[in-house]
C-alpha atoms as a PDB file:
ATOM      1  CA  MET A   1      -8.317 -74.279 -13.871  1.00  0.00           C
ATOM      2  CA  SER A   2      -9.231 -72.530 -10.720  1.00  0.00           C
ATOM      3  CA  PRO A   3     -12.577 -71.191 -10.008  1.00  0.00           C
ATOM      4  CA  ASP A   4     -12.972 -67.733 -11.106  1.00  0.00           C
ATOM      5  CA  ASP A   5     -15.072 -66.634  -7.843  1.00  0.00           C
ATOM      6  CA  LEU A   6     -12.260 -66.780  -5.779  1.00  0.00           C
ATOM      7  CA  LEU A   7      -8.998 -64.879  -4.739  1.00  0.00           C
ATOM      8  CA  TYR A   8      -5.700 -66.529  -4.366  1.00  0.00           C
ATOM      9  CA  THR A   9      -2.160 -66.047  -2.339  1.00  0.00           C
ATOM     10  CA  LYS A  10       1.245 -67.029  -3.708  1.00  0.00           C
ATOM     11  CA  GLU A  11       1.261 -69.484  -0.709  1.00  0.00           C
ATOM     12  CA  HIS A  12      -1.663 -71.372  -2.383  1.00  0.00           C
ATOM     13  CA  GLU A  13      -4.840 -70.276  -0.370  1.00  0.00           C
ATOM     14  CA  TRP A  14      -8.042 -69.244  -1.485  1.00  0.00           C
ATOM     15  CA  LEU A  15     -10.613 -66.804  -0.030  1.00  0.00           C
ATOM     16  CA  ARG A  16     -13.969 -66.962  -1.127  1.00  0.00           C
ATOM     17  CA  ILE A  17     -15.726 -63.046  -0.485  1.00  0.00           C
ATOM     18  CA  ALA A  18     -19.176 -62.977   0.729  1.00  0.00           C
ATOM     19  CA  ASP A  19     -20.342 -59.818   2.458  1.00  0.00           C
ATOM     20  CA  ASN A  20     -18.071 -58.884   5.158  1.00  0.00           C
ATOM     21  CA  GLY A  21     -16.860 -61.911   5.389  1.00  0.00           C
ATOM     22  CA  GLY A  22     -14.728 -64.653   3.854  1.00  0.00           C
ATOM     23  CA  THR A  23     -14.224 -68.526   3.316  1.00  0.00           C
ATOM     24  CA  VAL A  24     -10.530 -69.981   3.273  1.00  0.00           C
ATOM     25  CA  GLY A  25      -8.868 -73.087   1.946  1.00  0.00           C
ATOM     26  CA  ILE A  26      -6.218 -74.419   0.306  1.00  0.00           C
ATOM     27  CA  THR A  27      -5.981 -74.892  -3.630  1.00  0.00           C
ATOM     28  CA  ASP A  28      -6.336 -77.999  -5.881  1.00  0.00           C
ATOM     29  CA  HIS A  29      -2.727 -77.323  -6.709  1.00  0.00           C
ATOM     30  CA  ALA A  30      -1.801 -77.292  -3.115  1.00  0.00           C
ATOM     31  CA  GLN A  31      -3.511 -80.476  -2.288  1.00  0.00           C
ATOM     32  CA  LYS A  32      -1.864 -82.391  -5.192  1.00  0.00           C
ATOM     33  CA  GLU A  33       1.540 -80.781  -4.438  1.00  0.00           C
ATOM     34  CA  LEU A  34       1.118 -82.103  -0.729  1.00  0.00           C
ATOM     35  CA  GLY A  35      -0.323 -85.569  -1.094  1.00  0.00           C
ATOM     36  CA  ASP A  36      -2.646 -87.588   0.947  1.00  0.00           C
ATOM     37  CA  ILE A  37      -3.553 -85.009   4.030  1.00  0.00           C
ATOM     38  CA  VAL A  38      -3.957 -86.881   7.351  1.00  0.00           C
ATOM     39  CA  TYR A  39      -4.261 -84.204   9.709  1.00  0.00           C
ATOM     40  CA  VAL A  40      -5.364 -80.611   9.984  1.00  0.00           C
ATOM     41  CA  GLU A  41      -4.579 -77.996  12.864  1.00  0.00           C
ATOM     42  CA  LEU A  42      -6.956 -74.952  12.539  1.00  0.00           C
ATOM     43  CA  PRO A  43      -7.608 -72.167  15.022  1.00  0.00           C
ATOM     44  CA  LYS A  44     -10.283 -71.356  17.352  1.00  0.00           C
ATOM     45  CA  THR A  45     -13.291 -69.238  16.674  1.00  0.00           C
ATOM     46  CA  GLY A  46     -12.891 -65.791  17.618  1.00  0.00           C
ATOM     47  CA  THR A  47      -8.935 -65.572  17.132  1.00  0.00           C
ATOM     48  CA  LYS A  48      -8.123 -62.887  15.133  1.00  0.00           C
ATOM     49  CA  PHE A  49      -5.370 -62.647  12.465  1.00  0.00           C
ATOM     50  CA  ASN A  50      -3.169 -60.159  10.633  1.00  0.00           C
ATOM     51  CA  SER A  51      -2.859 -60.672   6.775  1.00  0.00           C
ATOM     52  CA  GLY A  52      -0.394 -63.399   6.041  1.00  0.00           C
ATOM     53  CA  GLU A  53       0.164 -65.013   9.386  1.00  0.00           C
ATOM     54  CA  THR A  54       0.152 -68.518  10.216  1.00  0.00           C
ATOM     55  CA  PHE A  55      -3.456 -69.696  10.786  1.00  0.00           C
ATOM     56  CA  GLY A  56      -2.674 -73.604  11.154  1.00  0.00           C
ATOM     57  CA  SER A  57      -1.386 -76.220   9.569  1.00  0.00           C
ATOM     58  CA  VAL A  58      -1.881 -79.460   7.357  1.00  0.00           C
ATOM     59  CA  GLU A  59      -0.007 -82.684   7.633  1.00  0.00           C
ATOM     60  CA  SER A  60       0.291 -84.774   4.708  1.00  0.00           C
ATOM     61  CA  VAL A  61       2.187 -88.339   3.959  1.00  0.00           C
ATOM     62  CA  LYS A  62       4.685 -86.086   2.546  1.00  0.00           C
ATOM     63  CA  ALA A  63       5.226 -83.125   4.742  1.00  0.00           C
ATOM     64  CA  VAL A  64       3.937 -80.512   7.531  1.00  0.00           C
ATOM     65  CA  SER A  65       2.715 -77.287   5.840  1.00  0.00           C
ATOM     66  CA  GLU A  66       1.955 -74.289   7.349  1.00  0.00           C
ATOM     67  CA  LEU A  67      -1.561 -72.074   6.495  1.00  0.00           C
ATOM     68  CA  TYR A  68      -1.390 -68.509   6.007  1.00  0.00           C
ATOM     69  CA  ILE A  69      -4.402 -66.235   6.050  1.00  0.00           C
ATOM     70  CA  PRO A  70      -4.991 -64.048   2.864  1.00  0.00           C
ATOM     71  CA  VAL A  71      -6.407 -60.881   4.525  1.00  0.00           C
ATOM     72  CA  SER A  72      -6.631 -59.885   8.117  1.00  0.00           C
ATOM     73  CA  GLY A  73      -9.558 -61.287   9.724  1.00  0.00           C
ATOM     74  CA  GLU A  74     -11.377 -62.844  12.460  1.00  0.00           C
ATOM     75  CA  VAL A  75     -12.457 -66.563  12.608  1.00  0.00           C
ATOM     76  CA  ILE A  76     -16.085 -67.144  12.905  1.00  0.00           C
ATOM     77  CA  GLU A  77     -16.359 -70.655  12.016  1.00  0.00           C
ATOM     78  CA  VAL A  78     -14.083 -73.778  11.786  1.00  0.00           C
ATOM     79  CA  ASN A  79     -14.570 -76.698   9.710  1.00  0.00           C
ATOM     80  CA  GLU A  80     -14.849 -79.347  12.353  1.00  0.00           C
ATOM     81  CA  ASP A  81     -15.460 -82.138  10.005  1.00  0.00           C
ATOM     82  CA  LEU A  82     -11.973 -81.996   8.872  1.00  0.00           C
ATOM     83  CA  GLY A  83     -10.806 -83.212  12.212  1.00  0.00           C
ATOM     84  CA  SER A  84     -12.462 -86.630  11.286  1.00  0.00           C
ATOM     85  CA  ALA A  85     -12.176 -86.282   7.493  1.00  0.00           C
ATOM     86  CA  PRO A  86      -9.265 -84.212   6.599  1.00  0.00           C
ATOM     87  CA  GLU A  87      -9.322 -86.185   3.363  1.00  0.00           C
ATOM     88  CA  ASN A  88     -11.921 -83.707   2.391  1.00  0.00           C
ATOM     89  CA  ILE A  89      -9.147 -81.228   1.441  1.00  0.00           C
ATOM     90  CA  ASN A  90      -7.798 -83.913  -1.317  1.00  0.00           C
ATOM     91  CA  GLU A  91     -11.438 -84.638  -2.398  1.00  0.00           C
ATOM     92  CA  ASP A  92     -12.953 -81.312  -2.596  1.00  0.00           C
ATOM     93  CA  PRO A  93     -10.703 -78.360  -1.909  1.00  0.00           C
ATOM     94  CA  TYR A  94     -13.036 -75.674  -3.038  1.00  0.00           C
ATOM     95  CA  GLY A  95     -16.078 -77.353  -1.352  1.00  0.00           C
ATOM     96  CA  THR A  96     -16.121 -79.352   1.746  1.00  0.00           C
ATOM     97  CA  GLY A  97     -12.377 -78.949   2.212  1.00  0.00           C
ATOM     98  CA  TRP A  98     -12.738 -75.386   3.340  1.00  0.00           C
ATOM     99  CA  MET A  99     -11.189 -74.465   6.428  1.00  0.00           C
ATOM    100  CA  ILE A 100     -12.148 -71.524   8.162  1.00  0.00           C
ATOM    101  CA  ARG A 101     -14.709 -68.976   7.632  1.00  0.00           C
ATOM    102  CA  ILE A 102     -13.644 -65.272   8.844  1.00  0.00           C
ATOM    103  CA  ARG A 103     -15.060 -61.491   9.303  1.00  0.00           C
ATOM    104  CA  LEU A 104     -13.071 -59.449   7.151  1.00  0.00           C
ATOM    105  CA  LEU A 105     -11.092 -56.753   9.067  1.00  0.00           C
ATOM    106  CA  ASN A 106      -9.783 -55.019   6.564  1.00  0.00           C
ATOM    107  CA  LYS A 107     -11.420 -55.423   3.081  1.00  0.00           C
ATOM    108  CA  SER A 108      -8.928 -53.129   1.078  1.00  0.00           C
ATOM    109  CA  GLU A 109      -6.420 -56.180   1.392  1.00  0.00           C
ATOM    110  CA  THR A 110      -8.142 -58.057  -0.892  1.00  0.00           C
ATOM    111  CA  GLU A 111      -6.733 -55.857  -3.528  1.00  0.00           C
ATOM    112  CA  ASP A 112      -3.599 -57.394  -3.139  1.00  0.00           C
ATOM    113  CA  LEU A 113      -4.791 -61.272  -3.961  1.00  0.00           C
ATOM    114  CA  MET A 114      -4.624 -62.943  -7.307  1.00  0.00           C
ATOM    115  CA  SER A 115      -7.531 -63.645  -9.766  1.00  0.00           C
ATOM    116  CA  ALA A 116      -7.969 -67.056 -10.898  1.00  0.00           C
ATOM    117  CA  GLU A 117      -6.138 -66.369 -14.121  1.00  0.00           C
ATOM    118  CA  GLU A 118      -3.185 -64.697 -12.485  1.00  0.00           C
ATOM    119  CA  TYR A 119      -3.065 -67.963 -10.085  1.00  0.00           C
ATOM    120  CA  ASP A 120      -3.097 -70.075 -12.862  1.00  0.00           C
ATOM    121  CA  GLU A 121      -0.361 -68.284 -14.582  1.00  0.00           C
ATOM    122  CA  TYR A 122       1.703 -68.073 -11.301  1.00  0.00           C
ATOM    123  CA  THR A 123       1.258 -71.918 -10.722  1.00  0.00           C
ATOM    124  CA  SER A 124       2.024 -72.644 -14.325  1.00  0.00           C
ATOM    125  CA  GLU A 125       5.527 -70.737 -13.861  1.00  0.00           C
ATOM    126  CA  GLY A 126       6.392 -73.779 -11.338  1.00  0.00           C
ATOM    127  CA  LYS A 127       5.438 -71.908  -8.161  1.00  0.00           C
END
């Protein structure tokens, strides 16, 4: 079961809203599909993205996958620990495996994201 306090994308990213900001990472489902993550490429603080744009990538023993930002935002913090410990994404995708923190540029875009229940149903369909 996916955490209820998060919102989800069809590309398997999650968003935790706090005030006018949010934290972004990939879901447990995504990290399981990827396998052991060995490298993460993340943006610089201050970079702005529109909803759905690529903000980085993760490399696993199986493949390289792009990361898509769930909503428009400006990066205000990057999880620098992932540079030396990318395995945190596998071990704790909703905790120490977070990737970026953003300032939301259009909070109404969160309405387009899935709830935990919707996401679990989506992934149970094999997507």
